[in-house]
Amino acid sequence: MSLEILQAFKFQKKNSFIHNLDPRAKLLFSIVYSVSGLLFTELVPLLILFLTLIPLIFLGKMFKEWMRSIRGLSSLILIIIVLNTYFISLAYAISMIIRIFIMITAFSIFFLTVHPNDLALSLISMKVPYEFAFSFSLAFRFVPTIAIEAQNIMDAQQSRGYEMKQTGLINQIKNLFPLLVPLIVSSIKRAFNVAEALESRAFGSIKNRTYYYSIKYSVKDWMFTIYLFLILVISIYIRIQFILMPEWMFLTWTLPV
């Protein structure tokens, strides 16, 4: 997988319908679509579910960022197509790819449109302890930083004459070692630096905290939540009653013998 997929976790500040939704509604959105995608292994229902995500991508003005995250899955997509087509069927391989697209798209929309501060506030409003909410939002902040650092390490290794872009699955696995070791070491050092910075500021010494601003569920958030529950209920109903669905829902493709 390419490092481009990590761009799906980098917040983009824009003025759009999706960006203006409450973070809790967008968190529910990611969970509902992921659960709905995991309910099916058939091509047609997964494709319909994926198509309902396309308007949300354009409403959030994030088509370019979404495409970069999809391009980052190119190697994984190729492996899924080859293995599943050979051992099961082409329809099943495409179904698994669409399922991954659904989950990546759902969480891409969430992370691209939710500011880390809003994420922490939404978790706190759901009675998550502040320490856990802060840790999660801090990890969320550092994902783009790790992606940039990984790219810098790759550039440094290539400047030393190490070929990091060799083709082939075995070569790509071998290329991970000169990347992962310095990346893990630098991440551990950064974690210690952050911990020392928090301790120097007496983090956690005051239990009752105040916040610069608060988040509130609006009418459009409730309407979006109702839409999500309808998606979930319909998905569960179709899964339970799938055998009674029309024949076109059972579309399968296999390789010719």
C-alpha atoms as a PDB file:
ATOM      1  CA  MET A   1       0.000   0.000   0.000  1.00  0.00           C
ATOM      2  CA  SER A   2       1.166   3.526  -0.789  1.00  0.00           C
ATOM      3  CA  LEU A   3       1.630   6.256   1.798  1.00  0.00           C
ATOM      4  CA  GLU A   4      -1.039   8.207  -0.074  1.00  0.00           C
ATOM      5  CA  ILE A   5      -3.680   6.343   1.933  1.00  0.00           C
ATOM      6  CA  LEU A   6      -2.553   8.242   5.047  1.00  0.00           C
ATOM      7  CA  GLN A   7      -3.747  11.460   3.391  1.00  0.00           C
ATOM      8  CA  ALA A   8      -7.244  10.175   4.164  1.00  0.00           C
ATOM      9  CA  PHE A   9      -6.563  10.954   7.840  1.00  0.00           C
ATOM     10  CA  LYS A  10      -5.471  14.564   7.374  1.00  0.00           C
ATOM     11  CA  PHE A  11      -8.064  17.171   8.343  1.00  0.00           C
ATOM     12  CA  GLN A  12      -9.016  19.600   5.568  1.00  0.00           C
ATOM     13  CA  LYS A  13     -10.647  22.861   6.653  1.00  0.00           C
ATOM     14  CA  LYS A  14     -13.457  23.670   4.222  1.00  0.00           C
ATOM     15  CA  ASN A  15     -16.934  25.158   4.290  1.00  0.00           C
ATOM     16  CA  SER A  16     -19.277  22.357   3.261  1.00  0.00           C
ATOM     17  CA  PHE A  17     -22.385  20.551   4.463  1.00  0.00           C
ATOM     18  CA  ILE A  18     -20.346  17.580   5.736  1.00  0.00           C
ATOM     19  CA  HIS A  19     -17.746  19.752   7.488  1.00  0.00           C
ATOM     20  CA  ASN A  20     -20.487  21.634   9.349  1.00  0.00           C
ATOM     21  CA  LEU A  21     -22.081  18.506  10.774  1.00  0.00           C
ATOM     22  CA  ASP A  22     -21.552  17.559  14.410  1.00  0.00           C
ATOM     23  CA  PRO A  23     -18.527  15.255  14.912  1.00  0.00           C
ATOM     24  CA  ARG A  24     -20.737  12.728  16.727  1.00  0.00           C
ATOM     25  CA  ALA A  25     -23.009  12.468  13.699  1.00  0.00           C
ATOM     26  CA  LYS A  26     -19.996  11.835  11.469  1.00  0.00           C
ATOM     27  CA  LEU A  27     -18.629   9.235  13.894  1.00  0.00           C
ATOM     28  CA  LEU A  28     -22.003   7.475  13.771  1.00  0.00           C
ATOM     29  CA  PHE A  29     -21.865   7.729   9.976  1.00  0.00           C
ATOM     30  CA  SER A  30     -18.506   5.911   9.845  1.00  0.00           C
ATOM     31  CA  ILE A  31     -19.723   3.160  12.171  1.00  0.00           C
ATOM     32  CA  VAL A  32     -23.051   2.642  10.364  1.00  0.00           C
ATOM     33  CA  TYR A  33     -21.493   2.359   6.912  1.00  0.00           C
ATOM     34  CA  SER A  34     -18.715   0.077   8.151  1.00  0.00           C
ATOM     35  CA  VAL A  35     -21.204  -2.237   9.871  1.00  0.00           C
ATOM     36  CA  SER A  36     -23.506  -2.187   6.844  1.00  0.00           C
ATOM     37  CA  GLY A  37     -20.597  -3.044   4.552  1.00  0.00           C
ATOM     38  CA  LEU A  38     -19.570  -5.970   6.763  1.00  0.00           C
ATOM     39  CA  LEU A  39     -23.083  -7.427   6.593  1.00  0.00           C
ATOM     40  CA  PHE A  40     -22.744  -8.397   2.930  1.00  0.00           C
ATOM     41  CA  THR A  41     -20.438 -10.443   0.732  1.00  0.00           C
ATOM     42  CA  GLU A  42     -22.672 -10.081  -2.340  1.00  0.00           C
ATOM     43  CA  LEU A  43     -21.763  -7.609  -5.078  1.00  0.00           C
ATOM     44  CA  VAL A  44     -25.039  -5.790  -5.732  1.00  0.00           C
ATOM     45  CA  PRO A  45     -25.941  -4.655  -2.169  1.00  0.00           C
ATOM     46  CA  LEU A  46     -22.356  -3.539  -1.561  1.00  0.00           C
ATOM     47  CA  LEU A  47     -22.355  -1.586  -4.817  1.00  0.00           C
ATOM     48  CA  ILE A  48     -25.641   0.133  -3.900  1.00  0.00           C
ATOM     49  CA  LEU A  49     -24.249   1.006  -0.473  1.00  0.00           C
ATOM     50  CA  PHE A  50     -21.091   2.410  -2.046  1.00  0.00           C
ATOM     51  CA  LEU A  51     -23.064   4.528  -4.509  1.00  0.00           C
ATOM     52  CA  THR A  52     -24.869   6.230  -1.593  1.00  0.00           C
ATOM     53  CA  LEU A  53     -21.459   7.483  -0.431  1.00  0.00           C
ATOM     54  CA  ILE A  54     -20.594   9.249  -3.692  1.00  0.00           C
ATOM     55  CA  PRO A  55     -22.900  12.289  -3.134  1.00  0.00           C
ATOM     56  CA  LEU A  56     -21.433  12.744   0.363  1.00  0.00           C
ATOM     57  CA  ILE A  57     -17.917  12.903  -1.104  1.00  0.00           C
ATOM     58  CA  PHE A  58     -18.951  15.760  -3.384  1.00  0.00           C
ATOM     59  CA  LEU A  59     -20.943  17.477  -0.617  1.00  0.00           C
ATOM     60  CA  GLY A  60     -17.767  17.439   1.472  1.00  0.00           C
ATOM     61  CA  LYS A  61     -15.651  18.808  -1.419  1.00  0.00           C
ATOM     62  CA  MET A  62     -13.081  16.064  -0.888  1.00  0.00           C
ATOM     63  CA  PHE A  63     -12.997  14.144  -4.170  1.00  0.00           C
ATOM     64  CA  LYS A  64      -9.253  14.701  -4.771  1.00  0.00           C
ATOM     65  CA  GLU A  65      -8.299  13.641  -1.224  1.00  0.00           C
ATOM     66  CA  TRP A  66     -10.548  10.581  -1.501  1.00  0.00           C
ATOM     67  CA  MET A  67      -8.953   9.581  -4.805  1.00  0.00           C
ATOM     68  CA  ARG A  68      -5.476   9.783  -3.251  1.00  0.00           C
ATOM     69  CA  SER A  69      -6.533   7.422  -0.470  1.00  0.00           C
ATOM     70  CA  ILE A  70      -7.993   4.991  -3.021  1.00  0.00           C
ATOM     71  CA  ARG A  71      -4.786   5.098  -5.088  1.00  0.00           C
ATOM     72  CA  GLY A  72      -2.886   4.175  -1.950  1.00  0.00           C
ATOM     73  CA  LEU A  73      -4.782   0.854  -1.924  1.00  0.00           C
ATOM     74  CA  SER A  74      -3.699  -0.133  -5.447  1.00  0.00           C
ATOM     75  CA  SER A  75      -1.352  -2.941  -4.322  1.00  0.00           C
ATOM     76  CA  LEU A  76      -3.928  -4.379  -1.922  1.00  0.00           C
ATOM     77  CA  ILE A  77      -6.629  -4.224  -4.603  1.00  0.00           C
ATOM     78  CA  LEU A  78      -4.445  -6.177  -7.022  1.00  0.00           C
ATOM     79  CA  ILE A  79      -3.762  -8.897  -4.437  1.00  0.00           C
ATOM     80  CA  ILE A  80      -7.473  -9.202  -3.583  1.00  0.00           C
ATOM     81  CA  ILE A  81      -8.489  -9.495  -7.242  1.00  0.00           C
ATOM     82  CA  VAL A  82      -5.906 -12.168  -8.056  1.00  0.00           C
ATOM     83  CA  LEU A  83      -6.399 -14.367  -4.979  1.00  0.00           C
ATOM     84  CA  ASN A  84     -10.184 -14.170  -4.669  1.00  0.00           C
ATOM     85  CA  THR A  85     -10.789 -14.568  -8.397  1.00  0.00           C
ATOM     86  CA  TYR A  86      -8.553 -17.636  -8.544  1.00  0.00           C
ATOM     87  CA  PHE A  87      -9.894 -19.363  -5.412  1.00  0.00           C
ATOM     88  CA  ILE A  88     -13.539 -18.164  -5.314  1.00  0.00           C
ATOM     89  CA  SER A  89     -14.986 -15.941  -8.064  1.00  0.00           C
ATOM     90  CA  LEU A  90     -14.576 -12.585  -9.783  1.00  0.00           C
ATOM     91  CA  ALA A  91     -17.814 -11.278  -8.268  1.00  0.00           C
ATOM     92  CA  TYR A  92     -16.577 -12.108  -4.760  1.00  0.00           C
ATOM     93  CA  ALA A  93     -13.240 -10.353  -5.460  1.00  0.00           C
ATOM     94  CA  ILE A  94     -15.015  -7.201  -6.632  1.00  0.00           C
ATOM     95  CA  SER A  95     -17.342  -7.415  -3.618  1.00  0.00           C
ATOM     96  CA  MET A  96     -14.381  -7.433  -1.232  1.00  0.00           C
ATOM     97  CA  ILE A  97     -12.842  -4.461  -3.024  1.00  0.00           C
ATOM     98  CA  ILE A  98     -16.079  -2.484  -2.792  1.00  0.00           C
ATOM     99  CA  ARG A  99     -16.375  -3.419   0.900  1.00  0.00           C
ATOM    100  CA  ILE A 100     -12.885  -1.964   1.499  1.00  0.00           C
ATOM    101  CA  PHE A 101     -13.844   1.130  -0.517  1.00  0.00           C
ATOM    102  CA  ILE A 102     -16.922   1.603   1.691  1.00  0.00           C
ATOM    103  CA  MET A 103     -14.946   1.413   4.930  1.00  0.00           C
ATOM    104  CA  ILE A 104     -12.051   3.568   3.695  1.00  0.00           C
ATOM    105  CA  THR A 105     -14.481   6.153   2.282  1.00  0.00           C
ATOM    106  CA  ALA A 106     -16.567   6.273   5.467  1.00  0.00           C
ATOM    107  CA  PHE A 107     -13.568   6.864   7.714  1.00  0.00           C
ATOM    108  CA  SER A 108     -11.927   9.183   5.160  1.00  0.00           C
ATOM    109  CA  ILE A 109     -14.981  11.432   5.261  1.00  0.00           C
ATOM    110  CA  PHE A 110     -14.839  11.373   9.059  1.00  0.00           C
ATOM    111  CA  PHE A 111     -11.143  12.168   9.441  1.00  0.00           C
ATOM    112  CA  LEU A 112     -11.026  14.679   6.567  1.00  0.00           C
ATOM    113  CA  THR A 113     -13.889  16.720   8.019  1.00  0.00           C
ATOM    114  CA  VAL A 114     -13.390  16.477  11.808  1.00  0.00           C
ATOM    115  CA  HIS A 115     -10.855  18.709  13.532  1.00  0.00           C
ATOM    116  CA  PRO A 116      -8.870  16.923  16.289  1.00  0.00           C
ATOM    117  CA  ASN A 117     -10.197  19.387  18.889  1.00  0.00           C
ATOM    118  CA  ASP A 118     -13.784  18.649  17.838  1.00  0.00           C
ATOM    119  CA  LEU A 119     -13.035  14.931  17.988  1.00  0.00           C
ATOM    120  CA  ALA A 120     -11.854  15.275  21.602  1.00  0.00           C
ATOM    121  CA  LEU A 121     -14.929  17.337  22.525  1.00  0.00           C
ATOM    122  CA  SER A 122     -17.272  14.799  20.924  1.00  0.00           C
ATOM    123  CA  LEU A 123     -15.661  11.943  22.877  1.00  0.00           C
ATOM    124  CA  ILE A 124     -15.839  13.924  26.110  1.00  0.00           C
ATOM    125  CA  SER A 125     -19.529  14.685  25.479  1.00  0.00           C
ATOM    126  CA  MET A 126     -20.046  10.904  25.217  1.00  0.00           C
ATOM    127  CA  LYS A 127     -18.598  10.545  28.750  1.00  0.00           C
ATOM    128  CA  VAL A 128     -15.199   9.305  27.598  1.00  0.00           C
ATOM    129  CA  PRO A 129     -12.553  10.327  30.186  1.00  0.00           C
ATOM    130  CA  TYR A 130     -10.597  13.381  29.103  1.00  0.00           C
ATOM    131  CA  GLU A 131      -7.250  11.535  29.193  1.00  0.00           C
ATOM    132  CA  PHE A 132      -8.491   8.929  26.687  1.00  0.00           C
ATOM    133  CA  ALA A 133     -10.175  11.526  24.473  1.00  0.00           C
ATOM    134  CA  PHE A 134      -7.009  13.637  24.431  1.00  0.00           C
ATOM    135  CA  SER A 135      -4.820  10.605  23.641  1.00  0.00           C
ATOM    136  CA  PHE A 136      -7.044   9.593  20.740  1.00  0.00           C
ATOM    137  CA  SER A 137      -7.142  13.102  19.264  1.00  0.00           C
ATOM    138  CA  LEU A 138      -3.362  13.406  19.712  1.00  0.00           C
ATOM    139  CA  ALA A 139      -2.813  10.146  17.822  1.00  0.00           C
ATOM    140  CA  PHE A 140      -5.180  11.465  15.151  1.00  0.00           C
ATOM    141  CA  ARG A 141      -3.025  14.613  14.815  1.00  0.00           C
ATOM    142  CA  PHE A 142       0.187  12.662  14.359  1.00  0.00           C
ATOM    143  CA  VAL A 143      -0.956  10.431  11.472  1.00  0.00           C
ATOM    144  CA  PRO A 144      -0.133  13.043   8.770  1.00  0.00           C
ATOM    145  CA  THR A 145       3.155  13.795  10.591  1.00  0.00           C
ATOM    146  CA  ILE A 146       4.130  10.117  10.480  1.00  0.00           C
ATOM    147  CA  ALA A 147       3.262   9.995   6.769  1.00  0.00           C
ATOM    148  CA  ILE A 148       5.524  12.983   6.061  1.00  0.00           C
ATOM    149  CA  GLU A 149       8.321  11.474   8.149  1.00  0.00           C
ATOM    150  CA  ALA A 150       7.983   8.125   6.345  1.00  0.00           C
ATOM    151  CA  GLN A 151       8.310   9.919   3.004  1.00  0.00           C
ATOM    152  CA  ASN A 152      11.401  11.758   4.274  1.00  0.00           C
ATOM    153  CA  ILE A 153      12.960   8.453   5.357  1.00  0.00           C
ATOM    154  CA  MET A 154      12.247   6.947   1.932  1.00  0.00           C
ATOM    155  CA  ASP A 155      13.867   9.936   0.219  1.00  0.00           C
ATOM    156  CA  ALA A 156      16.898   9.674   2.519  1.00  0.00           C
ATOM    157  CA  GLN A 157      17.288   5.953   1.825  1.00  0.00           C
ATOM    158  CA  GLN A 158      17.048   6.530  -1.922  1.00  0.00           C
ATOM    159  CA  SER A 159      19.647   9.312  -1.719  1.00  0.00           C
ATOM    160  CA  ARG A 160      22.003   6.702  -0.232  1.00  0.00           C
ATOM    161  CA  GLY A 161      21.473   4.460  -3.258  1.00  0.00           C
ATOM    162  CA  TYR A 162      18.875   2.108  -1.765  1.00  0.00           C
ATOM    163  CA  GLU A 163      16.143   1.228  -4.286  1.00  0.00           C
ATOM    164  CA  MET A 164      12.805   1.710  -2.510  1.00  0.00           C
ATOM    165  CA  LYS A 165      10.533   1.445  -5.544  1.00  0.00           C
ATOM    166  CA  GLN A 166      11.311  -2.026  -6.821  1.00  0.00           C
ATOM    167  CA  THR A 167       8.386  -3.858  -8.369  1.00  0.00           C
ATOM    168  CA  GLY A 168       7.105  -7.205  -7.134  1.00  0.00           C
ATOM    169  CA  LEU A 169       5.467  -8.263  -3.880  1.00  0.00           C
ATOM    170  CA  ILE A 170       8.655  -9.747  -2.344  1.00  0.00           C
ATOM    171  CA  ASN A 171      10.683  -6.628  -3.110  1.00  0.00           C
ATOM    172  CA  GLN A 172       8.001  -4.379  -1.644  1.00  0.00           C
ATOM    173  CA  ILE A 173       8.028  -6.399   1.588  1.00  0.00           C
ATOM    174  CA  LYS A 174      11.826  -6.189   1.742  1.00  0.00           C
ATOM    175  CA  ASN A 175      11.620  -2.431   1.221  1.00  0.00           C
ATOM    176  CA  LEU A 176       9.556  -2.076   4.396  1.00  0.00           C
ATOM    177  CA  PHE A 177      12.435  -2.931   6.741  1.00  0.00           C
ATOM    178  CA  PRO A 178      14.693   0.081   6.001  1.00  0.00           C
ATOM    179  CA  LEU A 179      11.564   2.216   6.330  1.00  0.00           C
ATOM    180  CA  LEU A 180       9.888   0.766   9.424  1.00  0.00           C
ATOM    181  CA  VAL A 181      12.911   0.565  11.744  1.00  0.00           C
ATOM    182  CA  PRO A 182      13.839   4.297  11.660  1.00  0.00           C
ATOM    183  CA  LEU A 183      10.144   5.214  11.606  1.00  0.00           C
ATOM    184  CA  ILE A 184       9.439   3.201  14.771  1.00  0.00           C
ATOM    185  CA  VAL A 185      12.501   4.648  16.517  1.00  0.00           C
ATOM    186  CA  SER A 186      11.530   8.226  15.664  1.00  0.00           C
ATOM    187  CA  SER A 187       7.927   7.594  16.749  1.00  0.00           C
ATOM    188  CA  ILE A 188       9.106   6.295  20.138  1.00  0.00           C
ATOM    189  CA  LYS A 189      11.319   9.366  20.586  1.00  0.00           C
ATOM    190  CA  ARG A 190       8.396  11.636  19.704  1.00  0.00           C
ATOM    191  CA  ALA A 191       6.160   9.828  22.204  1.00  0.00           C
ATOM    192  CA  PHE A 192       8.704  10.432  24.993  1.00  0.00           C
ATOM    193  CA  ASN A 193       8.983  14.108  24.025  1.00  0.00           C
ATOM    194  CA  VAL A 194       5.199  14.534  24.093  1.00  0.00           C
ATOM    195  CA  ALA A 195       4.961  12.748  27.464  1.00  0.00           C
ATOM    196  CA  GLU A 196       7.635  15.028  28.972  1.00  0.00           C
ATOM    197  CA  ALA A 197       5.910  18.109  27.559  1.00  0.00           C
ATOM    198  CA  LEU A 198       2.584  17.054  29.087  1.00  0.00           C
ATOM    199  CA  GLU A 199       4.175  16.321  32.463  1.00  0.00           C
ATOM    200  CA  SER A 200       5.947  19.708  32.468  1.00  0.00           C
ATOM    201  CA  ARG A 201       2.530  21.347  32.046  1.00  0.00           C
ATOM    202  CA  ALA A 202       0.967  19.297  34.877  1.00  0.00           C
ATOM    203  CA  PHE A 203      -1.383  17.432  32.580  1.00  0.00           C
ATOM    204  CA  GLY A 204      -4.176  15.733  34.525  1.00  0.00           C
ATOM    205  CA  SER A 205      -3.667  17.656  37.766  1.00  0.00           C
ATOM    206  CA  ILE A 206      -7.045  19.425  37.407  1.00  0.00           C
ATOM    207  CA  LYS A 207     -10.082  17.162  37.107  1.00  0.00           C
ATOM    208  CA  ASN A 208     -12.746  19.793  36.321  1.00  0.00           C
ATOM    209  CA  ARG A 209     -11.796  21.268  32.973  1.00  0.00           C
ATOM    210  CA  THR A 210     -13.245  24.148  30.992  1.00  0.00           C
ATOM    211  CA  TYR A 211     -13.310  24.375  27.196  1.00  0.00           C
ATOM    212  CA  TYR A 212     -12.929  27.231  24.751  1.00  0.00           C
ATOM    213  CA  TYR A 213     -16.142  26.295  22.937  1.00  0.00           C
ATOM    214  CA  SER A 214     -18.762  23.532  22.968  1.00  0.00           C
ATOM    215  CA  ILE A 215     -20.451  21.451  20.280  1.00  0.00           C
ATOM    216  CA  LYS A 216     -24.194  21.066  19.881  1.00  0.00           C
ATOM    217  CA  TYR A 217     -26.449  18.732  17.927  1.00  0.00           C
ATOM    218  CA  SER A 218     -28.518  20.759  15.440  1.00  0.00           C
ATOM    219  CA  VAL A 219     -31.593  19.930  13.368  1.00  0.00           C
ATOM    220  CA  LYS A 220     -29.523  18.909  10.340  1.00  0.00           C
ATOM    221  CA  ASP A 221     -27.483  16.593  12.578  1.00  0.00           C
ATOM    222  CA  TRP A 222     -30.655  14.860  13.744  1.00  0.00           C
ATOM    223  CA  MET A 223     -31.899  14.560  10.152  1.00  0.00           C
ATOM    224  CA  PHE A 224     -28.565  13.048   9.131  1.00  0.00           C
ATOM    225  CA  THR A 225     -28.738  10.649  12.096  1.00  0.00           C
ATOM    226  CA  ILE A 226     -32.238   9.511  11.064  1.00  0.00           C
ATOM    227  CA  TYR A 227     -30.922   8.893   7.550  1.00  0.00           C
ATOM    228  CA  LEU A 228     -28.099   6.771   8.966  1.00  0.00           C
ATOM    229  CA  PHE A 229     -30.459   4.685  11.080  1.00  0.00           C
ATOM    230  CA  LEU A 230     -32.622   4.086   8.009  1.00  0.00           C
ATOM    231  CA  ILE A 231     -29.532   2.873   6.118  1.00  0.00           C
ATOM    232  CA  LEU A 232     -28.665   0.519   8.982  1.00  0.00           C
ATOM    233  CA  VAL A 233     -32.210  -0.827   9.391  1.00  0.00           C
ATOM    234  CA  ILE A 234     -32.626  -1.405   5.647  1.00  0.00           C
ATOM    235  CA  SER A 235     -29.231  -3.149   5.481  1.00  0.00           C
ATOM    236  CA  ILE A 236     -30.091  -5.450   8.380  1.00  0.00           C
ATOM    237  CA  TYR A 237     -33.520  -6.220   6.888  1.00  0.00           C
ATOM    238  CA  ILE A 238     -32.024  -7.059   3.474  1.00  0.00           C
ATOM    239  CA  ARG A 239     -29.398  -9.258   5.145  1.00  0.00           C
ATOM    240  CA  ILE A 240     -32.032 -11.192   7.109  1.00  0.00           C
ATOM    241  CA  GLN A 241     -34.433 -11.493   4.165  1.00  0.00           C
ATOM    242  CA  PHE A 242     -31.754 -11.823   1.490  1.00  0.00           C
ATOM    243  CA  ILE A 243     -33.017 -15.135   0.201  1.00  0.00           C
ATOM    244  CA  LEU A 244     -36.339 -13.428  -0.654  1.00  0.00           C
ATOM    245  CA  MET A 245     -34.675 -10.639  -2.647  1.00  0.00           C
ATOM    246  CA  PRO A 246     -34.935 -10.433  -6.498  1.00  0.00           C
ATOM    247  CA  GLU A 247     -32.630 -12.615  -8.566  1.00  0.00           C
ATOM    248  CA  TRP A 248     -30.489  -9.687  -9.775  1.00  0.00           C
ATOM    249  CA  MET A 249     -29.239  -9.309  -6.181  1.00  0.00           C
ATOM    250  CA  PHE A 250     -27.441 -12.681  -6.526  1.00  0.00           C
ATOM    251  CA  LEU A 251     -25.163 -11.592  -9.379  1.00  0.00           C
ATOM    252  CA  THR A 252     -22.022 -13.772  -9.616  1.00  0.00           C
ATOM    253  CA  TRP A 253     -19.150 -13.925 -12.070  1.00  0.00           C
ATOM    254  CA  THR A 254     -16.656 -16.728 -12.383  1.00  0.00           C
ATOM    255  CA  LEU A 255     -13.638 -17.342 -14.582  1.00  0.00           C
ATOM    256  CA  PRO A 256     -14.265 -19.595 -17.616  1.00  0.00           C
ATOM    257  CA  VAL A 257     -12.962 -23.137 -17.186  1.00  0.00           C
END
